[in-house]
Amino acid sequence: GEEVTDESEDTIDIVVDIDLDIVKTFADDAVTAGGTGSSFTLVVTNEGNVTLSDAEILDIVDNRLTVTGVSGTAGSADDSDLDDQTVEWLITSLAPGDSETITVDFSVASDVPEANGVGALNDEDNVPNDATVAAEAPQGEEVTDESEDTIDIVVDIDLDIVKTFADDAVTAGGTGSSFTLVVTN
């Protein structure tokens, strides 16, 4: 008996792709001051190949847009500052390829001035809004992303005036008459 041995060694690279994406999109291009309101979505996607944990979404909503509700397909509100205008949402686990949506409803008060870019009533820029997300990858690495969208605020001006004479006819040189003007917004 001779002893025969053979040894072989090979290496393999394990590729860890950490990629997180957030996209903010207003549902409408414009909202009317004093109207029915609107919403925007924050879509968070794990575009990498490892599970991410504790994805924290933050959106400090412009005070011209009054937040009226926040909901999501996963996770929960994480309102540490108790300010309704600050959207704070936590998704505890986001698997590779998973995407979750947070929906923020808002209204605009009737006294908010128009903001719809150059050439409008007051040439104010559209209302900007930024959102960020930060999550933890395996081995404690942090990954972040941000997104911005804007919305127009328009003012619906509908002024009406009605003139009504008290009499159907007047006599020349007579006692005269009167009329009423009713202005309605």
Protein backbone atom coordinates (compact mmCIF):
# COMPACT_ATOMS: atom_id res chain seq x y z
CA GLY A 1 0.00 0.00 0.00
CA GLU A 2 1.00 3.28 -1.20
CA GLU A 3 -1.03 6.23 0.01
CA VAL A 4 -2.34 8.53 -2.69
CA THR A 5 -3.61 11.96 -1.79
CA ASP A 6 -4.89 14.75 -3.85
CA GLU A 7 -5.79 18.21 -2.71
CA SER A 8 -7.64 20.94 -4.54
CA GLU A 9 -8.49 24.46 -3.54
CA ASP A 10 -10.82 26.94 -5.16
CA THR A 11 -12.23 30.28 -4.11
CA ILE A 12 -15.57 31.85 -4.69
CA ASP A 13 -16.43 35.49 -4.46
CA ILE A 14 -19.64 36.29 -2.61
CA VAL A 15 -21.05 39.46 -4.02
CA VAL A 16 -23.01 41.59 -1.57
CA ASP A 17 -25.02 44.22 -3.38
CA ILE A 18 -26.49 46.82 -1.04
CA ASP A 19 -28.89 49.14 -2.84
CA LEU A 20 -31.89 51.03 -1.45
CA ASP A 21 -34.20 53.29 -3.43
CA ILE A 22 -36.96 55.75 -2.48
CA VAL A 23 -39.21 57.50 -5.01
CA LYS A 24 -41.56 60.32 -3.98
CA THR A 25 -44.45 61.03 -6.33
CA PHE A 26 -47.35 63.46 -5.91
CA ALA A 27 -50.64 61.96 -7.14
CA ASP A 28 -51.54 65.20 -8.91
CA ASP A 29 -49.55 67.93 -10.66
CA ALA A 30 -51.54 70.62 -8.83
CA VAL A 31 -53.87 71.01 -5.86
CA THR A 32 -56.41 73.78 -5.30
CA ALA A 33 -56.21 75.85 -2.12
CA GLY A 34 -59.35 75.11 -0.13
CA GLY A 35 -60.16 72.15 -2.40
CA THR A 36 -60.40 68.42 -1.74
CA GLY A 37 -56.68 67.87 -1.12
CA SER A 38 -54.47 65.17 -2.59
CA SER A 39 -51.74 62.69 -1.66
CA PHE A 40 -48.24 61.54 -2.43
CA THR A 41 -46.51 58.17 -2.21
CA LEU A 42 -43.11 57.16 -0.95
CA VAL A 43 -42.08 53.89 -2.62
CA VAL A 44 -39.14 52.19 -0.89
CA THR A 45 -37.43 49.34 -2.76
CA ASN A 46 -34.58 47.04 -1.75
CA GLU A 47 -32.70 46.77 -5.06
CA GLY A 48 -29.81 44.83 -3.52
CA ASN A 49 -29.32 41.14 -2.78
CA VAL A 50 -29.31 41.21 1.04
CA THR A 51 -32.13 41.82 3.51
CA LEU A 52 -32.12 45.32 4.96
CA SER A 53 -33.38 46.10 8.44
CA ASP A 54 -34.88 49.13 10.16
CA ALA A 55 -35.61 51.20 7.05
CA GLU A 56 -36.43 54.64 8.45
CA ILE A 57 -38.38 56.93 6.13
CA LEU A 58 -38.39 60.68 6.88
CA ASP A 59 -40.34 63.40 5.10
CA ILE A 60 -40.67 66.89 6.61
CA VAL A 61 -43.75 68.05 4.71
CA ASP A 62 -43.95 71.72 3.72
CA ASN A 63 -46.38 73.54 6.04
CA ARG A 64 -48.53 74.65 3.09
CA LEU A 65 -49.59 71.01 2.76
CA THR A 66 -51.45 69.92 5.92
CA VAL A 67 -50.90 66.19 6.51
CA THR A 68 -54.27 64.50 7.18
CA GLY A 69 -53.26 60.82 7.16
CA VAL A 70 -50.39 58.37 6.68
CA SER A 71 -50.64 54.67 5.79
CA GLY A 72 -48.35 51.99 4.40
CA THR A 73 -48.26 48.53 2.87
CA ALA A 74 -45.76 47.48 5.55
CA GLY A 75 -44.21 48.94 8.66
CA SER A 76 -45.70 51.48 11.01
CA ALA A 77 -45.63 55.13 12.00
CA ASP A 78 -42.57 55.99 14.09
CA ASP A 79 -43.48 59.54 15.07
CA SER A 80 -40.72 60.39 17.54
CA ASP A 81 -41.24 64.17 17.38
CA LEU A 82 -45.08 64.07 17.64
CA ASP A 83 -45.33 66.49 14.71
CA ASP A 84 -47.98 65.49 12.15
CA GLN A 85 -46.13 67.49 9.47
CA THR A 86 -43.12 65.17 9.85
CA VAL A 87 -43.76 61.77 8.31
CA GLU A 88 -41.65 59.17 10.12
CA TRP A 89 -42.20 55.54 9.11
CA LEU A 90 -40.30 52.38 10.04
CA ILE A 91 -40.09 49.16 8.01
CA THR A 92 -38.31 46.60 10.20
CA SER A 93 -37.28 44.23 7.40
CA LEU A 94 -37.04 44.65 3.63
CA ALA A 95 -36.05 41.54 1.66
CA PRO A 96 -34.18 41.73 -1.68
CA GLY A 97 -36.52 42.90 -4.42
CA ASP A 98 -39.28 43.92 -1.98
CA SER A 99 -41.01 47.24 -2.41
CA GLU A 100 -43.31 48.96 0.09
CA THR A 101 -45.46 52.07 -0.34
CA ILE A 102 -46.25 54.77 2.19
CA THR A 103 -49.18 57.04 1.24
CA VAL A 104 -49.49 60.52 2.73
CA ASP A 105 -52.81 62.38 2.39
CA PHE A 106 -52.87 66.16 2.71
CA SER A 107 -55.11 69.19 2.32
CA VAL A 108 -54.37 72.81 1.50
CA ALA A 109 -56.12 75.60 3.42
CA SER A 110 -58.11 78.14 1.42
CA ASP A 111 -55.87 80.99 2.59
CA VAL A 112 -52.66 79.43 1.21
CA PRO A 113 -51.28 81.62 -1.61
CA GLU A 114 -50.80 80.27 -5.10
CA ALA A 115 -47.47 78.59 -5.83
CA ASN A 116 -47.22 77.35 -9.38
CA GLY A 117 -44.10 78.67 -10.95
CA VAL A 118 -43.12 81.63 -13.06
CA GLY A 119 -45.95 83.28 -14.95
CA ALA A 120 -48.65 82.59 -12.38
CA LEU A 121 -50.36 85.10 -10.10
CA ASN A 122 -47.41 85.59 -7.78
CA ASP A 123 -44.51 83.83 -9.54
CA GLU A 124 -43.87 81.62 -6.49
CA ASP A 125 -42.04 78.36 -7.17
CA ASN A 126 -43.84 75.03 -6.90
CA VAL A 127 -43.94 73.54 -3.40
CA PRO A 128 -40.86 71.29 -3.06
CA ASN A 129 -40.73 68.23 -0.85
CA ASP A 130 -37.84 65.87 -0.07
CA ALA A 131 -38.00 62.38 1.42
CA THR A 132 -35.14 60.22 2.69
CA VAL A 133 -34.70 56.60 3.71
CA ALA A 134 -31.90 55.00 5.71
CA ALA A 135 -31.57 51.27 6.45
CA GLU A 136 -29.06 48.90 7.96
CA ALA A 137 -27.41 46.16 5.93
CA PRO A 138 -25.71 43.05 7.35
CA GLN A 139 -22.51 43.79 9.30
CA GLY A 140 -23.96 47.17 10.33
CA GLU A 141 -23.42 49.03 7.08
CA GLU A 142 -25.90 51.90 6.50
CA VAL A 143 -27.44 52.63 3.12
CA THR A 144 -29.44 55.77 2.27
CA ASP A 145 -31.34 57.38 -0.58
CA GLU A 146 -33.45 60.49 -1.15
CA SER A 147 -36.09 61.69 -3.58
CA GLU A 148 -37.84 64.99 -4.35
CA ASP A 149 -41.04 65.98 -6.09
CA THR A 150 -42.97 69.24 -6.33
CA ILE A 151 -46.62 70.23 -6.56
CA ASP A 152 -48.43 73.36 -7.73
CA ILE A 153 -50.89 75.12 -5.48
CA VAL A 154 -53.50 76.97 -7.50
CA VAL A 155 -56.10 79.42 -6.29
CA ASP A 156 -59.55 79.10 -7.81
CA ILE A 157 -60.75 82.67 -8.32
CA ASP A 158 -64.45 82.80 -9.11
CA LEU A 159 -65.81 86.27 -8.43
CA ASP A 160 -69.41 87.00 -9.38
CA ILE A 161 -71.32 90.32 -9.45
CA VAL A 162 -75.04 90.73 -10.02
CA LYS A 163 -76.70 94.14 -10.55
CA THR A 164 -80.43 94.35 -9.89
CA PHE A 165 -82.59 97.47 -10.42
CA ALA A 166 -85.34 98.14 -7.89
CA ASP A 167 -87.74 99.22 -10.62
CA ASP A 168 -88.33 97.83 -14.09
CA ALA A 169 -88.63 101.31 -15.56
CA VAL A 170 -88.09 104.94 -14.51
CA THR A 171 -89.66 108.12 -15.80
CA ALA A 172 -87.37 110.83 -17.13
CA GLY A 173 -87.37 113.72 -14.69
CA GLY A 174 -89.11 111.49 -12.12
CA THR A 175 -88.06 110.65 -8.58
CA GLY A 176 -85.38 108.22 -9.65
CA SER A 177 -84.68 104.67 -8.64
CA SER A 178 -81.94 102.50 -7.14
CA PHE A 179 -80.07 99.34 -7.86
CA THR A 180 -78.29 96.70 -5.79
CA LEU A 181 -74.87 95.13 -6.45
CA VAL A 182 -74.26 91.67 -4.97
CA VAL A 183 -70.66 90.43 -5.06
CA THR A 184 -70.02 86.74 -4.35
CA ASN A 185 -66.74 84.89 -4.04
